[in-house]
Amino acid sequence: MFPSETTGPVRLDPAALPDLTGAKVVVTGGLGFIGSNLAVAASEKGAKVTVLDACLPQYGFNFANVE
């Protein structure tokens, strides 16, 4: 199935990540599509996530990606 055929947001499956309980994770580019999905999935696996992003409009950052 292509992302355009889905009914909701495309998210990384948290089951694809190991248990991250207590881990500290830094995601660079965390407000973009890939980084935000990685940050959400890591958080759901118990990691304390810090997101870094330059917030350059030409690279498509979006604060809504991590809400």
PDB file of N, CA and C in Angstrom:
ATOM      1  N   MET A   1       0.845  -1.172   0.000  1.00  0.00           N
ATOM      2  CA  MET A   1       0.000   0.000   0.000  1.00  0.00           C
ATOM      3  C   MET A   1       0.892   1.237   0.000  1.00  0.00           C
ATOM      4  N   PHE A   2       0.600   2.175  -0.843  1.00  0.00           N
ATOM      5  CA  PHE A   2       1.354   3.419  -0.920  1.00  0.00           C
ATOM      6  C   PHE A   2       0.821   4.397   0.111  1.00  0.00           C
ATOM      7  N   PRO A   3       1.698   5.287   0.666  1.00  0.00           N
ATOM      8  CA  PRO A   3       1.237   6.251   1.669  1.00  0.00           C
ATOM      9  C   PRO A   3       0.032   7.068   1.208  1.00  0.00           C
ATOM     10  N   SER A   4      -0.077   7.361  -0.072  1.00  0.00           N
ATOM     11  CA  SER A   4      -1.202   8.161  -0.546  1.00  0.00           C
ATOM     12  C   SER A   4      -2.515   7.394  -0.465  1.00  0.00           C
ATOM     13  N   GLU A   5      -2.443   6.069  -0.295  1.00  0.00           N
ATOM     14  CA  GLU A   5      -3.643   5.245  -0.219  1.00  0.00           C
ATOM     15  C   GLU A   5      -4.078   4.981   1.218  1.00  0.00           C
ATOM     16  N   THR A   6      -3.307   5.445   2.198  1.00  0.00           N
ATOM     17  CA  THR A   6      -3.663   5.198   3.585  1.00  0.00           C
ATOM     18  C   THR A   6      -4.723   6.181   4.039  1.00  0.00           C
ATOM     19  N   THR A   7      -5.373   5.841   5.137  1.00  0.00           N
ATOM     20  CA  THR A   7      -6.429   6.706   5.649  1.00  0.00           C
ATOM     21  C   THR A   7      -5.943   7.637   6.746  1.00  0.00           C
ATOM     22  N   GLY A   8      -4.739   7.443   7.243  1.00  0.00           N
ATOM     23  CA  GLY A   8      -4.229   8.281   8.322  1.00  0.00           C
ATOM     24  C   GLY A   8      -2.755   8.544   8.130  1.00  0.00           C
ATOM     25  N   PRO A   9      -2.122   9.145   9.135  1.00  0.00           N
ATOM     26  CA  PRO A   9      -0.701   9.446   9.019  1.00  0.00           C
ATOM     27  C   PRO A   9       0.130   8.166   8.959  1.00  0.00           C
ATOM     28  N   VAL A  10       1.208   8.220   8.236  1.00  0.00           N
ATOM     29  CA  VAL A  10       2.123   7.086   8.142  1.00  0.00           C
ATOM     30  C   VAL A  10       3.093   7.202   9.305  1.00  0.00           C
ATOM     31  N   ARG A  11       3.199   6.174  10.107  1.00  0.00           N
ATOM     32  CA  ARG A  11       4.090   6.190  11.264  1.00  0.00           C
ATOM     33  C   ARG A  11       4.996   4.976  11.238  1.00  0.00           C
ATOM     34  N   LEU A  12       6.198   5.132  11.783  1.00  0.00           N
ATOM     35  CA  LEU A  12       7.125   4.032  11.941  1.00  0.00           C
ATOM     36  C   LEU A  12       6.550   3.075  12.979  1.00  0.00           C
ATOM     37  N   ASP A  13       6.594   1.789  12.708  1.00  0.00           N
ATOM     38  CA  ASP A  13       6.085   0.791  13.644  1.00  0.00           C
ATOM     39  C   ASP A  13       7.035   0.701  14.834  1.00  0.00           C
ATOM     40  N   PRO A  14       6.567   1.063  16.044  1.00  0.00           N
ATOM     41  CA  PRO A  14       7.446   1.003  17.215  1.00  0.00           C
ATOM     42  C   PRO A  14       7.994  -0.394  17.472  1.00  0.00           C
ATOM     43  N   ALA A  15       7.296  -1.434  17.004  1.00  0.00           N
ATOM     44  CA  ALA A  15       7.785  -2.799  17.193  1.00  0.00           C
ATOM     45  C   ALA A  15       9.100  -3.029  16.452  1.00  0.00           C
ATOM     46  N   ALA A  16       9.421  -2.169  15.487  1.00  0.00           N
ATOM     47  CA  ALA A  16      10.660  -2.303  14.735  1.00  0.00           C
ATOM     48  C   ALA A  16      11.868  -1.852  15.561  1.00  0.00           C
ATOM     49  N   LEU A  17      11.636  -1.189  16.681  1.00  0.00           N
ATOM     50  CA  LEU A  17      12.724  -0.713  17.536  1.00  0.00           C
ATOM     51  C   LEU A  17      12.854  -1.596  18.769  1.00  0.00           C
ATOM     52  N   PRO A  18      14.070  -1.732  19.300  1.00  0.00           N
ATOM     53  CA  PRO A  18      14.234  -2.480  20.552  1.00  0.00           C
ATOM     54  C   PRO A  18      13.645  -1.684  21.716  1.00  0.00           C
ATOM     55  N   ASP A  19      13.554  -2.306  22.871  1.00  0.00           N
ATOM     56  CA  ASP A  19      13.083  -1.605  24.067  1.00  0.00           C
ATOM     57  C   ASP A  19      14.079  -0.499  24.395  1.00  0.00           C
ATOM     58  N   LEU A  20      13.610   0.726  24.488  1.00  0.00           N
ATOM     59  CA  LEU A  20      14.479   1.875  24.735  1.00  0.00           C
ATOM     60  C   LEU A  20      14.226   2.511  26.100  1.00  0.00           C
ATOM     61  N   THR A  21      13.584   1.790  26.981  1.00  0.00           N
ATOM     62  CA  THR A  21      13.255   2.331  28.297  1.00  0.00           C
ATOM     63  C   THR A  21      14.506   2.881  28.973  1.00  0.00           C
ATOM     64  N   GLY A  22      14.444   4.144  29.333  1.00  0.00           N
ATOM     65  CA  GLY A  22      15.549   4.802  30.017  1.00  0.00           C
ATOM     66  C   GLY A  22      16.649   5.332  29.115  1.00  0.00           C
ATOM     67  N   ALA A  23      16.586   5.030  27.827  1.00  0.00           N
ATOM     68  CA  ALA A  23      17.624   5.509  26.902  1.00  0.00           C
ATOM     69  C   ALA A  23      17.423   6.987  26.603  1.00  0.00           C
ATOM     70  N   LYS A  24      18.510   7.679  26.367  1.00  0.00           N
ATOM     71  CA  LYS A  24      18.455   9.072  25.933  1.00  0.00           C
ATOM     72  C   LYS A  24      18.732   9.088  24.438  1.00  0.00           C
ATOM     73  N   VAL A  25      17.806   9.633  23.665  1.00  0.00           N
ATOM     74  CA  VAL A  25      17.903   9.621  22.208  1.00  0.00           C
ATOM     75  C   VAL A  25      17.844  11.052  21.692  1.00  0.00           C
ATOM     76  N   VAL A  26      18.755  11.406  20.781  1.00  0.00           N
ATOM     77  CA  VAL A  26      18.730  12.695  20.105  1.00  0.00           C
ATOM     78  C   VAL A  26      18.391  12.428  18.641  1.00  0.00           C
ATOM     79  N   VAL A  27      17.362  13.098  18.138  1.00  0.00           N
ATOM     80  CA  VAL A  27      16.970  12.956  16.736  1.00  0.00           C
ATOM     81  C   VAL A  27      17.221  14.295  16.049  1.00  0.00           C
ATOM     82  N   THR A  28      18.171  14.320  15.125  1.00  0.00           N
ATOM     83  CA  THR A  28      18.417  15.536  14.355  1.00  0.00           C
ATOM     84  C   THR A  28      17.460  15.545  13.173  1.00  0.00           C
ATOM     85  N   GLY A  29      16.976  16.720  12.835  1.00  0.00           N
ATOM     86  CA  GLY A  29      15.962  16.808  11.787  1.00  0.00           C
ATOM     87  C   GLY A  29      14.639  16.268  12.279  1.00  0.00           C
ATOM     88  N   GLY A  30      14.392  16.382  13.562  1.00  0.00           N
ATOM     89  CA  GLY A  30      13.231  15.770  14.197  1.00  0.00           C
ATOM     90  C   GLY A  30      11.889  16.386  13.884  1.00  0.00           C
ATOM     91  N   LEU A  31      11.854  17.494  13.158  1.00  0.00           N
ATOM     92  CA  LEU A  31      10.559  18.080  12.787  1.00  0.00           C
ATOM     93  C   LEU A  31      10.196  17.766  11.345  1.00  0.00           C
ATOM     94  N   GLY A  32      11.042  17.025  10.664  1.00  0.00           N
ATOM     95  CA  GLY A  32      10.725  16.584   9.309  1.00  0.00           C
ATOM     96  C   GLY A  32       9.974  15.265   9.349  1.00  0.00           C
ATOM     97  N   PHE A  33       9.658  14.742   8.185  1.00  0.00           N
ATOM     98  CA  PHE A  33       8.848  13.526   8.094  1.00  0.00           C
ATOM     99  C   PHE A  33       9.531  12.318   8.735  1.00  0.00           C
ATOM    100  N   ILE A  34      10.755  12.028   8.334  1.00  0.00           N
ATOM    101  CA  ILE A  34      11.436  10.841   8.848  1.00  0.00           C
ATOM    102  C   ILE A  34      11.824  11.023  10.309  1.00  0.00           C
ATOM    103  N   GLY A  35      12.431  12.165  10.635  1.00  0.00           N
ATOM    104  CA  GLY A  35      12.869  12.404  12.005  1.00  0.00           C
ATOM    105  C   GLY A  35      11.731  12.404  13.005  1.00  0.00           C
ATOM    106  N   SER A  36      10.598  12.991  12.635  1.00  0.00           N
ATOM    107  CA  SER A  36       9.467  13.037  13.561  1.00  0.00           C
ATOM    108  C   SER A  36       8.897  11.640  13.800  1.00  0.00           C
ATOM    109  N   ASN A  37       8.845  10.821  12.756  1.00  0.00           N
ATOM    110  CA  ASN A  37       8.360   9.451  12.935  1.00  0.00           C
ATOM    111  C   ASN A  37       9.308   8.649  13.819  1.00  0.00           C
ATOM    112  N   LEU A  38      10.599   8.853  13.643  1.00  0.00           N
ATOM    113  CA  LEU A  38      11.579   8.174  14.485  1.00  0.00           C
ATOM    114  C   LEU A  38      11.468   8.651  15.939  1.00  0.00           C
ATOM    115  N   ALA A  39      11.301   9.946  16.144  1.00  0.00           N
ATOM    116  CA  ALA A  39      11.180  10.490  17.499  1.00  0.00           C
ATOM    117  C   ALA A  39       9.937   9.960  18.214  1.00  0.00           C
ATOM    118  N   VAL A  40       8.816   9.921  17.522  1.00  0.00           N
ATOM    119  CA  VAL A  40       7.576   9.405  18.118  1.00  0.00           C
ATOM    120  C   VAL A  40       7.729   7.922  18.463  1.00  0.00           C
ATOM    121  N   ALA A  41       8.282   7.147  17.547  1.00  0.00           N
ATOM    122  CA  ALA A  41       8.443   5.708  17.789  1.00  0.00           C
ATOM    123  C   ALA A  41       9.388   5.448  18.962  1.00  0.00           C
ATOM    124  N   ALA A  42      10.491   6.192  19.045  1.00  0.00           N
ATOM    125  CA  ALA A  42      11.438   6.020  20.151  1.00  0.00           C
ATOM    126  C   ALA A  42      10.782   6.390  21.472  1.00  0.00           C
ATOM    127  N   SER A  43       9.991   7.443  21.472  1.00  0.00           N
ATOM    128  CA  SER A  43       9.277   7.848  22.677  1.00  0.00           C
ATOM    129  C   SER A  43       8.291   6.775  23.128  1.00  0.00           C
ATOM    130  N   GLU A  44       7.599   6.185  22.169  1.00  0.00           N
ATOM    131  CA  GLU A  44       6.640   5.120  22.489  1.00  0.00           C
ATOM    132  C   GLU A  44       7.335   3.873  23.035  1.00  0.00           C
ATOM    133  N   LYS A  45       8.613   3.698  22.754  1.00  0.00           N
ATOM    134  CA  LYS A  45       9.383   2.570  23.272  1.00  0.00           C
ATOM    135  C   LYS A  45      10.075   2.905  24.591  1.00  0.00           C
ATOM    136  N   GLY A  46       9.791   4.091  25.154  1.00  0.00           N
ATOM    137  CA  GLY A  46      10.280   4.433  26.481  1.00  0.00           C
ATOM    138  C   GLY A  46      11.502   5.321  26.539  1.00  0.00           C
ATOM    139  N   ALA A  47      11.985   5.803  25.414  1.00  0.00           N
ATOM    140  CA  ALA A  47      13.169   6.650  25.408  1.00  0.00           C
ATOM    141  C   ALA A  47      12.822   8.085  25.795  1.00  0.00           C
ATOM    142  N   LYS A  48      13.796   8.766  26.372  1.00  0.00           N
ATOM    143  CA  LYS A  48      13.683  10.209  26.594  1.00  0.00           C
ATOM    144  C   LYS A  48      14.262  10.851  25.335  1.00  0.00           C
ATOM    145  N   VAL A  49      13.416  11.504  24.541  1.00  0.00           N
ATOM    146  CA  VAL A  49      13.807  11.977  23.218  1.00  0.00           C
ATOM    147  C   VAL A  49      14.021  13.483  23.210  1.00  0.00           C
ATOM    148  N   THR A  50      15.149  13.891  22.650  1.00  0.00           N
ATOM    149  CA  THR A  50      15.431  15.301  22.395  1.00  0.00           C
ATOM    150  C   THR A  50      15.441  15.490  20.888  1.00  0.00           C
ATOM    151  N   VAL A  51      14.688  16.483  20.415  1.00  0.00           N
ATOM    152  CA  VAL A  51      14.586  16.747  18.982  1.00  0.00           C
ATOM    153  C   VAL A  51      15.357  18.021  18.658  1.00  0.00           C
ATOM    154  N   LEU A  52      16.238  17.931  17.662  1.00  0.00           N
ATOM    155  CA  LEU A  52      16.970  19.092  17.155  1.00  0.00           C
ATOM    156  C   LEU A  52      16.578  19.310  15.707  1.00  0.00           C
ATOM    157  N   ASP A  53      16.327  20.549  15.345  1.00  0.00           N
ATOM    158  CA  ASP A  53      15.998  20.855  13.962  1.00  0.00           C
ATOM    159  C   ASP A  53      16.361  22.314  13.692  1.00  0.00           C
ATOM    160  N   ALA A  54      16.873  22.580  12.500  1.00  0.00           N
ATOM    161  CA  ALA A  54      17.247  23.937  12.122  1.00  0.00           C
ATOM    162  C   ALA A  54      16.030  24.790  11.759  1.00  0.00           C
ATOM    163  N   CYS A  55      14.887  24.166  11.539  1.00  0.00           N
ATOM    164  CA  CYS A  55      13.637  24.867  11.199  1.00  0.00           C
ATOM    165  C   CYS A  55      13.782  25.759   9.963  1.00  0.00           C
ATOM    166  N   LEU A  56      14.409  25.222   8.943  1.00  0.00           N
ATOM    167  CA  LEU A  56      14.553  25.949   7.691  1.00  0.00           C
ATOM    168  C   LEU A  56      13.338  25.667   6.813  1.00  0.00           C
ATOM    169  N   PRO A  57      12.586  26.710   6.432  1.00  0.00           N
ATOM    170  CA  PRO A  57      11.348  26.496   5.671  1.00  0.00           C
ATOM    171  C   PRO A  57      11.528  25.684   4.393  1.00  0.00           C
ATOM    172  N   GLN A  58      12.643  25.835   3.709  1.00  0.00           N
ATOM    173  CA  GLN A  58      12.836  25.118   2.447  1.00  0.00           C
ATOM    174  C   GLN A  58      13.005  23.612   2.646  1.00  0.00           C
ATOM    175  N   TYR A  59      13.187  23.161   3.903  1.00  0.00           N
ATOM    176  CA  TYR A  59      13.354  21.733   4.156  1.00  0.00           C
ATOM    177  C   TYR A  59      12.116  21.108   4.794  1.00  0.00           C
ATOM    178  N   GLY A  60      11.046  21.833   4.899  1.00  0.00           N
ATOM    179  CA  GLY A  60       9.753  21.262   5.263  1.00  0.00           C
ATOM    180  C   GLY A  60       9.550  20.864   6.715  1.00  0.00           C
ATOM    181  N   PHE A  61      10.128  21.592   7.657  1.00  0.00           N
ATOM    182  CA  PHE A  61       9.852  21.266   9.052  1.00  0.00           C
ATOM    183  C   PHE A  61       8.399  21.594   9.375  1.00  0.00           C
ATOM    184  N   ASN A  62       7.866  20.895  10.365  1.00  0.00           N
ATOM    185  CA  ASN A  62       6.477  21.121  10.764  1.00  0.00           C
ATOM    186  C   ASN A  62       6.321  20.720  12.227  1.00  0.00           C
ATOM    187  N   PHE A  63       6.022  21.693  13.090  1.00  0.00           N
ATOM    188  CA  PHE A  63       5.868  21.402  14.521  1.00  0.00           C
ATOM    189  C   PHE A  63       4.749  20.396  14.764  1.00  0.00           C
ATOM    190  N   ALA A  64       3.756  20.330  13.913  1.00  0.00           N
ATOM    191  CA  ALA A  64       2.645  19.397  14.066  1.00  0.00           C
ATOM    192  C   ALA A  64       3.106  17.947  13.940  1.00  0.00           C
ATOM    193  N   ASN A  65       4.277  17.715  13.347  1.00  0.00           N
ATOM    194  CA  ASN A  65       4.760  16.336  13.180  1.00  0.00           C
ATOM    195  C   ASN A  65       5.030  15.633  14.508  1.00  0.00           C
ATOM    196  N   VAL A  66       5.275  16.373  15.566  1.00  0.00           N
ATOM    197  CA  VAL A  66       5.597  15.743  16.840  1.00  0.00           C
ATOM    198  C   VAL A  66       4.593  16.054  17.946  1.00  0.00           C
ATOM    199  N   GLU A  67       3.461  16.572  17.609  1.00  0.00           N
ATOM    200  CA  GLU A  67       2.440  16.829  18.620  1.00  0.00           C
ATOM    201  C   GLU A  67       1.726  15.551  18.997  1.00  0.00           C
TER     202      GLU A  67
END
